[in-house]
Amino acid sequence: MPVSVAAVDKARILQAIAAHGHGPRLGKPVEAAPREVSCQRVARKVPPQRPGEKSGLTELPVKKSMKLVILDRDGVINEDSTEFIKAPEDWVPIPGSLDAIARLNRAGFRVVVATNQSGIRRRLLDIGTLNRIHEVMHRQLAGVGGHVEAIFICPCHPKDDCSCFKPNPGMLLDIAARLRVSLESVPYIGDKLSDVEAARAAGARPILVKTGVGEKTLEENPDLGAVGVFENLAEVADSLIADHA
């Protein structure tokens, strides 16, 4: 399935980092972000890739049989905030979420994060600050024996009409392209309607947790259809591990 140029090129300057040596890096860390970062602006800054030319990005190694889980961040791994997560001290894990990721790792699952971060476009934080926020997450995960292999972000504003800003599926399609894997049975776990819609548009398996704004999402959308609903990430991990036992 084709992936938008914006989704691929954006990753050259946006973060897709692994936790303190756990797994490969998808791109080089960025020291500073443009004052206004959007996928469209990033795409203009990167020359188009010619047919047959390597992108210069290191892809995650491919396995014939892959147990992959994709997570939203805010409201799934950490407590969300209407004021945005703008600093490392704002990042507070939801009880049980880090242990859930560690248990998924031990069960052989590869865990990747895909998250909208429009606070960058809104100038509430920059890429350097976002990296420091994620360093906190990586350290705390390492403390319980867990890790995420990569973090995909879209820094755009909802009004930017970006193909990778959820509910659009660009980030998930980017992950599928880099891993060269079908998303048909891959769970994407979120707490918002946009997460469910992005999963469906990408051909992934939507799962909704009641943490974050999950309860509100259920109240406002009682007819979500074939969507797995769980109390929290810990409960999802229990189910996925049992299904693959």
Protein backbone atom coordinates (compact mmCIF):
# COMPACT_ATOMS: atom_id res chain seq x y z
CA MET A 1 0.00 0.00 0.00
CA PRO A 2 1.51 3.37 -0.95
CA VAL A 3 2.64 5.76 1.77
CA SER A 4 2.45 9.51 1.38
CA VAL A 5 5.74 11.28 0.63
CA ALA A 6 5.03 13.56 3.57
CA ALA A 7 4.83 10.62 5.94
CA VAL A 8 8.15 9.19 4.82
CA ASP A 9 10.09 12.45 4.49
CA LYS A 10 8.83 13.77 7.78
CA ALA A 11 10.62 10.96 9.55
CA ARG A 12 13.98 12.39 8.40
CA ILE A 13 13.66 15.19 10.92
CA LEU A 14 11.05 13.87 13.30
CA GLN A 15 11.66 11.44 16.08
CA ALA A 16 11.50 7.71 15.69
CA ILE A 17 13.87 6.68 18.47
CA ALA A 18 14.41 3.51 20.43
CA ALA A 19 14.82 3.23 24.17
CA HIS A 20 18.42 3.59 25.39
CA GLY A 21 19.97 1.10 23.01
CA HIS A 22 16.97 -1.22 22.93
CA GLY A 23 16.50 -1.70 19.21
CA PRO A 24 17.53 0.38 16.19
CA ARG A 25 16.99 4.02 15.35
CA LEU A 26 14.86 4.92 12.39
CA GLY A 27 16.39 8.33 11.91
CA LYS A 28 18.86 10.78 13.39
CA PRO A 29 17.74 12.79 16.43
CA VAL A 30 16.89 16.40 15.72
CA GLU A 31 18.48 19.15 17.75
CA ALA A 32 16.04 21.90 16.84
CA ALA A 33 12.76 22.12 14.98
CA PRO A 34 11.60 24.86 12.62
CA ARG A 35 9.43 27.48 14.29
CA GLU A 36 6.48 25.97 12.50
CA VAL A 37 6.68 22.29 11.71
CA SER A 38 4.19 20.60 9.44
CA CYS A 39 4.49 17.59 7.19
CA GLN A 40 4.03 19.80 4.15
CA ARG A 41 6.86 22.10 5.19
CA VAL A 42 9.14 19.18 5.98
CA ALA A 43 8.41 17.55 2.64
CA ARG A 44 9.41 20.73 0.80
CA LYS A 45 12.75 20.76 2.63
CA VAL A 46 13.68 17.22 1.57
CA PRO A 47 14.53 16.47 -2.08
CA PRO A 48 12.22 13.92 -3.70
CA GLN A 49 13.50 10.37 -3.74
CA ARG A 50 14.33 9.01 -7.19
CA PRO A 51 13.10 5.54 -8.19
CA GLY A 52 15.45 2.85 -6.89
CA GLU A 53 17.25 5.29 -4.57
CA LYS A 54 17.60 4.32 -0.93
CA SER A 55 15.99 6.73 1.49
CA GLY A 56 18.96 6.86 3.86
CA LEU A 57 16.72 5.72 6.71
CA THR A 58 17.49 2.50 8.55
CA GLU A 59 14.43 0.28 8.60
CA LEU A 60 13.61 -2.01 11.48
CA PRO A 61 14.62 -5.61 10.71
CA VAL A 62 11.88 -7.66 9.11
CA LYS A 63 10.63 -10.96 10.44
CA LYS A 64 8.51 -13.39 8.46
CA SER A 65 6.25 -13.83 11.48
CA MET A 66 5.86 -10.63 13.46
CA LYS A 67 4.00 -10.02 16.68
CA LEU A 68 3.48 -6.27 16.50
CA VAL A 69 1.48 -3.90 18.70
CA ILE A 70 1.03 -0.20 17.90
CA LEU A 71 0.05 2.17 20.68
CA ASP A 72 -1.22 5.70 20.90
CA ARG A 73 0.65 7.58 23.62
CA ASP A 74 -1.47 10.10 25.53
CA GLY A 75 -4.37 8.45 27.32
CA VAL A 76 -2.97 4.96 26.69
CA ILE A 77 0.57 4.94 28.10
CA ASN A 78 0.48 8.20 30.04
CA GLU A 79 -2.15 10.43 31.55
CA ASP A 80 -3.52 12.90 29.00
CA SER A 81 -4.04 16.63 29.54
CA THR A 82 -6.25 19.22 27.87
CA GLU A 83 -3.26 21.55 28.28
CA PHE A 84 -1.00 19.16 26.30
CA ILE A 85 2.06 17.31 27.55
CA LYS A 86 4.58 20.15 27.16
CA ALA A 87 7.46 19.21 29.47
CA PRO A 88 9.09 16.07 30.91
CA GLU A 89 7.45 16.67 34.28
CA ASP A 90 4.03 16.59 32.59
CA TRP A 91 4.55 12.99 31.51
CA VAL A 92 2.92 10.69 34.09
CA PRO A 93 2.40 7.00 33.27
CA ILE A 94 -1.05 5.47 33.70
CA PRO A 95 -0.81 2.87 36.49
CA GLY A 96 0.04 -0.52 35.03
CA SER A 97 0.82 0.74 31.50
CA LEU A 98 4.60 0.40 31.68
CA ASP A 99 4.39 -3.08 33.17
CA ALA A 100 1.93 -3.96 30.38
CA ILE A 101 4.47 -2.95 27.73
CA ALA A 102 7.20 -4.90 29.51
CA ARG A 103 4.98 -7.99 29.60
CA LEU A 104 4.24 -7.61 25.90
CA ASN A 105 7.99 -7.41 25.24
CA ARG A 106 8.66 -10.55 27.25
CA ALA A 107 5.92 -12.33 25.30
CA GLY A 108 7.74 -11.51 22.07
CA PHE A 109 5.70 -8.51 20.91
CA ARG A 110 7.38 -5.58 19.22
CA VAL A 111 5.84 -2.35 20.48
CA VAL A 112 5.74 0.85 18.41
CA VAL A 113 4.07 4.17 19.27
CA ALA A 114 2.14 6.38 16.80
CA THR A 115 0.99 9.69 18.24
CA ASN A 116 -0.38 13.06 17.13
CA GLN A 117 1.67 15.86 18.70
CA SER A 118 0.06 19.04 17.45
CA GLY A 119 1.58 20.93 20.38
CA ILE A 120 4.65 21.31 18.15
CA ARG A 121 2.67 23.03 15.40
CA ARG A 122 0.95 25.13 18.07
CA ARG A 123 4.41 26.19 19.35
CA LEU A 124 3.77 24.77 22.81
CA LEU A 125 6.95 22.68 22.64
CA ASP A 126 9.71 21.83 20.19
CA ILE A 127 11.26 18.57 19.01
CA GLY A 128 14.05 18.78 21.58
CA THR A 129 11.53 18.99 24.41
CA LEU A 130 9.54 16.12 22.92
CA ASN A 131 12.72 14.03 22.85
CA ARG A 132 13.30 14.79 26.53
CA ILE A 133 9.72 13.79 27.34
CA HIS A 134 10.28 10.50 25.58
CA GLU A 135 13.58 9.99 27.38
CA VAL A 136 11.56 10.01 30.61
CA MET A 137 9.25 7.38 29.16
CA HIS A 138 12.19 5.26 27.98
CA ARG A 139 13.93 5.44 31.37
CA GLN A 140 10.81 4.48 33.27
CA LEU A 141 10.10 1.65 30.85
CA ALA A 142 13.66 0.37 31.19
CA GLY A 143 13.17 0.41 34.97
CA VAL A 144 10.47 -2.26 34.64
CA GLY A 145 12.25 -4.19 31.91
CA GLY A 146 10.29 -2.83 28.95
CA HIS A 147 10.94 -0.80 25.82
CA VAL A 148 9.30 0.58 22.69
CA GLU A 149 11.17 0.12 19.44
CA ALA A 150 10.19 3.39 17.80
CA ILE A 151 7.97 6.44 18.16
CA PHE A 152 6.23 7.91 15.13
CA ILE A 153 4.78 11.40 15.52
CA CYS A 154 2.77 13.82 13.46
CA PRO A 155 3.42 17.40 14.63
CA CYS A 156 0.75 19.00 12.46
CA HIS A 157 -2.32 21.01 13.41
CA PRO A 158 -5.68 19.30 12.80
CA LYS A 159 -6.45 22.00 10.21
CA ASP A 160 -3.30 21.22 8.20
CA ASP A 161 -5.05 18.40 6.33
CA CYS A 162 -2.04 16.14 6.86
CA SER A 163 -2.27 12.55 5.64
CA CYS A 164 -0.55 11.23 8.77
CA PHE A 165 -2.48 13.20 11.38
CA LYS A 166 -5.04 10.82 12.88
CA PRO A 167 -7.78 9.98 11.97
CA ASN A 168 -5.84 9.78 8.70
CA PRO A 169 -3.81 6.55 8.46
CA GLY A 170 -0.45 7.90 7.25
CA MET A 171 1.56 7.09 10.38
CA LEU A 172 0.25 3.54 10.53
CA LEU A 173 0.89 3.05 6.82
CA ASP A 174 4.42 4.39 7.32
CA ILE A 175 5.02 1.80 10.02
CA ALA A 176 3.67 -0.95 7.76
CA ALA A 177 5.91 0.20 4.89
CA ARG A 178 9.06 0.34 7.02
CA LEU A 179 8.39 -3.07 8.55
CA ARG A 180 7.06 -4.47 5.27
CA VAL A 181 4.18 -6.04 7.17
CA SER A 182 0.44 -6.23 6.68
CA LEU A 183 -1.55 -4.48 9.38
CA GLU A 184 -4.53 -6.79 8.92
CA SER A 185 -4.32 -8.37 12.38
CA VAL A 186 -2.09 -5.78 14.06
CA PRO A 187 -3.80 -4.04 17.00
CA TYR A 188 -3.72 -0.27 17.21
CA ILE A 189 -4.64 0.73 20.74
CA GLY A 190 -6.03 4.18 21.47
CA ASP A 191 -8.57 6.08 23.52
CA LYS A 192 -10.07 8.39 20.90
CA LEU A 193 -12.42 8.02 17.96
CA SER A 194 -9.61 9.26 15.72
CA ASP A 195 -7.53 6.25 16.81
CA VAL A 196 -10.32 3.86 15.85
CA GLU A 197 -10.81 5.59 12.50
CA ALA A 198 -7.07 5.60 11.73
CA ALA A 199 -6.82 1.90 12.52
CA ARG A 200 -9.75 1.09 10.26
CA ALA A 201 -8.42 3.25 7.42
CA ALA A 202 -5.02 1.51 7.65
CA GLY A 203 -6.55 -1.96 7.79
CA ALA A 204 -5.38 -2.53 11.38
CA ARG A 205 -7.36 -3.95 14.30
CA PRO A 206 -8.85 -1.10 16.38
CA ILE A 207 -8.80 -1.45 20.17
CA LEU A 208 -10.18 1.18 22.53
CA VAL A 209 -9.14 1.58 26.15
CA LYS A 210 -11.27 3.38 28.71
CA THR A 211 -8.33 5.36 30.08
CA GLY A 212 -7.69 8.89 28.82
CA VAL A 213 -10.87 9.97 27.05
CA GLY A 214 -11.89 6.40 26.29
CA GLU A 215 -14.99 6.49 28.48
CA LYS A 216 -16.13 9.71 26.81
CA THR A 217 -15.43 8.22 23.38
CA LEU A 218 -17.69 5.27 24.20
CA GLU A 219 -20.45 7.52 25.55
CA GLU A 220 -20.40 9.71 22.43
CA ASN A 221 -20.06 6.77 20.02
CA PRO A 222 -22.11 3.86 21.36
CA ASP A 223 -22.17 2.09 17.98
CA LEU A 224 -18.47 1.69 17.24
CA GLY A 225 -19.01 -1.73 15.75
CA ALA A 226 -16.23 -4.31 15.75
CA VAL A 227 -13.89 -2.59 18.18
CA GLY A 228 -12.30 -4.33 21.14
CA VAL A 229 -12.94 -2.38 24.34
CA PHE A 230 -10.79 -2.82 27.44
CA GLU A 231 -10.39 -1.04 30.76
CA ASN A 232 -6.74 -0.17 30.20
CA LEU A 233 -3.53 -1.20 28.47
CA ALA A 234 -2.80 -3.80 31.14
CA GLU A 235 -6.04 -5.59 30.29
CA VAL A 236 -5.25 -5.45 26.57
CA ALA A 237 -1.82 -6.95 27.23
CA ASP A 238 -3.39 -9.80 29.21
CA SER A 239 -5.71 -10.56 26.30
CA LEU A 240 -3.06 -10.37 23.57
CA ILE A 241 -0.60 -12.53 25.51
CA ALA A 242 -3.29 -15.13 26.22
CA ASP A 243 -4.33 -15.17 22.53
CA HIS A 244 -0.75 -15.89 21.47
CA ALA A 245 0.10 -18.35 24.23
